[in-house]
């Protein structure tokens, strides 16, 4: 799950286990903006310094990958 307030995004993935994964954020031109790690069940905040626009969030946990489109206003 990814949510947004006016300044930043919050990412939390629930799995039932304490696992670590990673994420990448790309702008719409395909430029890598940020990389990071997360732990399942813990909120990871990011994006405070992003410019307004559309971004792609790629979150990977074990072999499962999810891609979300996020909007910074």
Protein backbone atom coordinates (compact mmCIF):
# COMPACT_ATOMS: atom_id res chain seq x y z
CA UNK A 1 0.00 0.00 0.00
CA UNK A 2 1.24 3.46 -0.85
CA UNK A 3 -0.43 6.66 0.28
CA UNK A 4 0.39 10.34 0.03
CA UNK A 5 -0.09 13.49 2.01
CA UNK A 6 0.90 16.90 0.65
CA UNK A 7 4.62 16.52 1.32
CA UNK A 8 5.59 12.84 1.11
CA UNK A 9 4.54 9.28 0.34
CA UNK A 10 4.16 6.41 2.80
CA UNK A 11 4.82 2.79 1.85
CA UNK A 12 3.87 -0.16 4.03
CA UNK A 13 3.75 -3.75 2.88
CA UNK A 14 2.15 -6.30 5.16
CA UNK A 15 3.29 -9.87 4.81
CA UNK A 16 2.77 -11.52 8.20
CA UNK A 17 6.54 -12.02 8.50
CA UNK A 18 9.36 -9.62 9.17
CA UNK A 19 11.06 -9.43 5.78
CA UNK A 20 13.17 -6.85 4.01
CA UNK A 21 12.59 -5.64 0.46
CA UNK A 22 13.72 -2.78 -1.72
CA UNK A 23 12.13 -0.06 -3.80
CA UNK A 24 13.07 2.23 -6.65
CA UNK A 25 11.31 5.39 -7.75
CA UNK A 26 11.55 6.59 -11.35
CA UNK A 27 10.34 9.80 -12.95
CA UNK A 28 8.28 9.56 -16.13
CA UNK A 29 11.40 9.96 -18.28
CA UNK A 30 12.76 6.73 -16.74
CA UNK A 31 15.37 8.47 -14.57
CA UNK A 32 16.04 6.76 -11.24
CA UNK A 33 15.08 9.24 -8.52
CA UNK A 34 15.53 7.20 -5.35
CA UNK A 35 16.29 3.72 -4.07
CA UNK A 36 15.75 2.34 -0.61
CA UNK A 37 14.89 -0.62 1.54
CA UNK A 38 11.84 -1.36 3.64
CA UNK A 39 10.81 -3.84 6.29
CA UNK A 40 7.37 -5.43 6.09
CA UNK A 41 4.90 -4.00 8.60
CA UNK A 42 6.92 -0.77 9.04
CA UNK A 43 5.98 2.53 7.35
CA UNK A 44 8.66 3.83 4.96
CA UNK A 45 8.33 7.53 4.08
CA UNK A 46 9.86 9.07 0.97
CA UNK A 47 9.37 11.75 -1.67
CA UNK A 48 9.44 14.93 0.42
CA UNK A 49 12.03 16.47 -1.93
CA UNK A 50 10.36 15.38 -5.19
CA UNK A 51 9.10 17.95 -7.66
CA UNK A 52 5.39 17.81 -8.57
CA UNK A 53 4.67 15.19 -11.22
CA UNK A 54 4.12 11.50 -11.93
CA UNK A 55 6.48 8.79 -10.69
CA UNK A 56 6.70 5.02 -10.84
CA UNK A 57 7.34 3.08 -7.63
CA UNK A 58 8.78 -0.40 -8.06
CA UNK A 59 8.69 -2.43 -4.82
CA UNK A 60 10.31 -5.88 -4.66
CA UNK A 61 9.87 -8.41 -1.87
CA UNK A 62 11.45 -11.83 -2.39
CA UNK A 63 10.64 -12.60 -6.04
CA UNK A 64 7.44 -10.54 -6.18
CA UNK A 65 7.51 -7.11 -7.82
CA UNK A 66 4.78 -4.46 -7.72
CA UNK A 67 4.70 -1.29 -9.80
CA UNK A 68 2.57 1.68 -8.74
CA UNK A 69 2.07 5.04 -10.37
CA UNK A 70 2.28 7.82 -7.77
CA UNK A 71 1.53 11.53 -8.09
CA UNK A 72 3.31 14.35 -6.26
CA UNK A 73 1.21 17.52 -6.18
